[in-house]
Structures are given as C-alpha cells and as structure tokens.
Amino acid sequence: MSSDARPRPAVTSPVLLVVSGAMVSRPAITRTARLAASAPVIVVGLAGESPAEIEEARRAVALAMTALGNTGVMAYAHIAATGSPARAIARVARARGARMVVLDQHVGLAAELRRRMYGAGITVLSVTAPTSRRPGPRDLAR
C-alpha cells in the first residue's frame, strides 16, 4: 500500500475551554467534551498578574485537563495572565484556529467576547453551574 492510499485522520478545529478561579464546573467539562468529539481542547486559564493568581489558574487548568482526559479528549494548556480577558481569549482563539469557545461561569464576559469575535466564525458558549433557583425564559433559550 502506497503512502498516498493511507487514510488520513480528519483534522478538526480545536475547542477552547476558558476557566478562572480554583475550580472548573462539571457542566463545562461535559459540554466541552461533547463539542470536541475527536478534536483537541485548549484549556485557557485566566489569571491576574500576581504569582498566586497564576498558580491558581495553573491548578484549575490541570484539573480541567485531567477531567477532559478522563473523557477521552486530548487537552492542551494555556495560561493568560492579563488585564483584558476578552482580548486574550480572542487572540488565543484566532491563533489556534478554534471553532468554538466555551466559557465556564463567565456570563459577563460572554457578551464582550462575542463582540470581539463577531465575523470570525467562532461560536461563544457560556456554561453556568446549575443553581437552586427556578429557570427563567433566558435559561430555557440556551
């Protein structure tokens, strides 16, 4: 069999999972793993510029990578220590050729990121952890 006749693996665009703080939510991991399918995931940790915040972001990214690895998804890490999270995420998404950005519990950041990504063909999803309140019309539209 010649090398040209071998089946080539499908190259698919990665999915970005954006986490901040010390934890990553289970709904974000589940949603990202489903969206990625066989594509890689780039876990972006948002941090301030202090060493403590960067270390907290590293831990959250490592936790997310482990959880994604347990679902069979290949994950890569990226730490963004910046004052403008939306700008940093937009840069990483464009540089990595992402097709989708999943925000873990960043409702306020979603609108600004969608504005920055307008026309780029990149979908921005916001995943929030379930709360004890009753869902409203905005929750049902997601």
Protein backbone atom coordinates (compact mmCIF):
# COMPACT_ATOMS: atom_id res chain seq x y z
CA MET A 1 0.00 0.00 0.00
CA SER A 2 1.49 3.32 -1.01
CA SER A 3 1.69 6.21 1.42
CA ASP A 4 -0.86 8.17 -0.63
CA ALA A 5 -3.53 5.47 -0.21
CA ARG A 6 -3.45 5.53 3.61
CA PRO A 7 -6.45 7.11 5.24
CA ARG A 8 -5.60 10.43 6.81
CA PRO A 9 -7.04 11.43 10.15
CA ALA A 10 -9.60 14.20 9.99
CA VAL A 11 -8.12 17.50 11.05
CA THR A 12 -10.67 19.36 13.08
CA SER A 13 -10.52 22.75 14.71
CA PRO A 14 -9.95 22.80 18.45
CA VAL A 15 -12.40 23.90 21.09
CA LEU A 16 -11.34 26.40 23.77
CA LEU A 17 -12.45 25.92 27.36
CA VAL A 18 -11.95 29.07 29.44
CA VAL A 19 -11.62 28.64 33.21
CA SER A 20 -10.78 31.02 36.02
CA GLY A 21 -10.58 30.68 39.75
CA ALA A 22 -9.71 27.47 41.50
CA MET A 23 -12.38 25.15 40.12
CA VAL A 24 -13.93 24.07 36.86
CA SER A 25 -17.58 23.06 36.69
CA ARG A 26 -18.77 19.60 35.69
CA PRO A 27 -21.27 21.03 33.15
CA ALA A 28 -18.42 22.86 31.41
CA ILE A 29 -16.33 19.68 31.17
CA THR A 30 -19.27 17.64 29.91
CA ARG A 31 -20.31 20.23 27.32
CA THR A 32 -16.75 20.76 26.10
CA ALA A 33 -16.09 17.02 25.75
CA ARG A 34 -19.28 16.59 23.71
CA LEU A 35 -18.49 19.55 21.47
CA ALA A 36 -14.90 18.50 20.91
CA ALA A 37 -15.68 14.90 19.92
CA SER A 38 -12.32 13.91 18.40
CA ALA A 39 -10.89 17.44 18.23
CA PRO A 40 -8.39 18.69 20.79
CA VAL A 41 -9.36 21.10 23.56
CA ILE A 42 -7.25 24.05 24.60
CA VAL A 43 -7.89 24.87 28.25
CA VAL A 44 -7.27 28.58 28.81
CA GLY A 45 -6.74 29.66 32.39
CA LEU A 46 -7.42 33.32 33.14
CA ALA A 47 -5.28 34.90 35.82
CA GLY A 48 -4.21 38.25 37.11
CA GLU A 49 -0.55 39.11 37.12
CA SER A 50 0.27 38.04 40.68
CA PRO A 51 2.10 34.75 41.21
CA ALA A 52 -0.69 33.46 43.46
CA GLU A 53 -3.33 34.07 40.78
CA ILE A 54 -1.16 32.42 38.12
CA GLU A 55 -0.66 29.37 40.34
CA GLU A 56 -4.42 29.15 40.98
CA ALA A 57 -5.05 29.29 37.22
CA ARG A 58 -2.47 26.52 36.65
CA ARG A 59 -4.25 24.31 39.15
CA ALA A 60 -7.66 24.94 37.57
CA VAL A 61 -6.24 24.20 34.10
CA ALA A 62 -4.60 20.99 35.34
CA LEU A 63 -7.89 19.91 36.94
CA ALA A 64 -9.78 20.61 33.70
CA MET A 65 -7.19 18.75 31.63
CA THR A 66 -7.43 15.72 33.91
CA ALA A 67 -11.23 15.73 33.74
CA LEU A 68 -11.16 16.05 29.94
CA GLY A 69 -8.55 13.30 29.70
CA ASN A 70 -10.85 11.02 31.68
CA THR A 71 -13.50 11.52 28.97
CA GLY A 72 -11.00 10.60 26.24
CA VAL A 73 -10.41 14.13 24.95
CA MET A 74 -6.89 15.40 24.31
CA ALA A 75 -6.29 18.73 26.05
CA TYR A 76 -3.57 21.37 25.92
CA ALA A 77 -2.93 24.17 28.40
CA HIS A 78 -2.63 27.92 28.01
CA ILE A 79 -2.39 30.44 30.86
CA ALA A 80 -3.40 34.01 30.08
CA ALA A 81 -2.17 36.49 32.69
CA THR A 82 -3.71 39.72 31.51
CA GLY A 83 -5.86 42.67 32.42
CA SER A 84 -8.24 42.13 29.48
CA PRO A 85 -9.63 38.57 29.47
CA ALA A 86 -11.79 39.02 26.35
CA ARG A 87 -8.85 40.30 24.32
CA ALA A 88 -6.61 37.44 25.48
CA ILE A 89 -9.24 34.79 24.71
CA ALA A 90 -9.92 36.28 21.27
CA ARG A 91 -6.19 36.21 20.45
CA VAL A 92 -5.80 32.59 21.55
CA ALA A 93 -8.94 31.50 19.68
CA ARG A 94 -7.79 33.12 16.45
CA ALA A 95 -4.18 31.96 16.78
CA ARG A 96 -5.20 28.35 17.43
CA GLY A 97 -7.92 28.29 14.76
CA ALA A 98 -10.66 27.46 17.25
CA ARG A 99 -14.20 26.92 16.09
CA MET A 100 -15.83 27.27 19.49
CA VAL A 101 -15.14 28.91 22.86
CA VAL A 102 -16.78 27.52 26.00
CA LEU A 103 -16.82 29.89 28.96
CA ASP A 104 -17.12 28.29 32.38
CA GLN A 105 -19.26 30.57 34.57
CA HIS A 106 -18.34 33.82 32.78
CA VAL A 107 -21.73 35.30 31.99
CA GLY A 108 -20.47 38.91 31.93
CA LEU A 109 -17.51 38.05 29.73
CA ALA A 110 -19.61 36.30 27.09
CA ALA A 111 -21.13 39.48 25.64
CA GLU A 112 -17.78 41.24 25.27
CA LEU A 113 -16.16 38.16 23.77
CA ARG A 114 -18.99 37.71 21.27
CA ARG A 115 -18.50 41.33 20.22
CA ARG A 116 -14.75 40.80 19.75
CA MET A 117 -15.28 37.55 17.84
CA TYR A 118 -18.01 38.93 15.56
CA GLY A 119 -17.37 37.87 11.97
CA ALA A 120 -14.63 35.40 12.88
CA GLY A 121 -16.90 32.35 12.59
CA ILE A 122 -16.16 31.32 16.17
CA THR A 123 -19.10 30.38 18.41
CA VAL A 124 -19.05 31.53 22.04
CA LEU A 125 -20.99 29.45 24.59
CA SER A 126 -21.42 30.27 28.26
CA VAL A 127 -21.91 27.32 30.59
CA THR A 128 -23.00 28.02 34.14
CA ALA A 129 -23.31 25.59 37.00
CA PRO A 130 -26.86 24.71 37.98
CA THR A 131 -28.35 26.85 40.72
CA SER A 132 -31.19 26.30 43.12
CA ARG A 133 -33.42 28.93 41.52
CA ARG A 134 -36.15 28.17 39.00
CA PRO A 135 -35.10 28.53 35.36
CA GLY A 136 -36.38 31.59 33.58
CA PRO A 137 -37.01 32.25 29.87
CA ARG A 138 -33.37 33.19 29.28
CA ASP A 139 -32.19 29.87 30.76
CA LEU A 140 -34.53 27.86 28.56
CA ALA A 141 -33.27 29.59 25.42
CA ARG A 142 -29.75 28.21 25.85
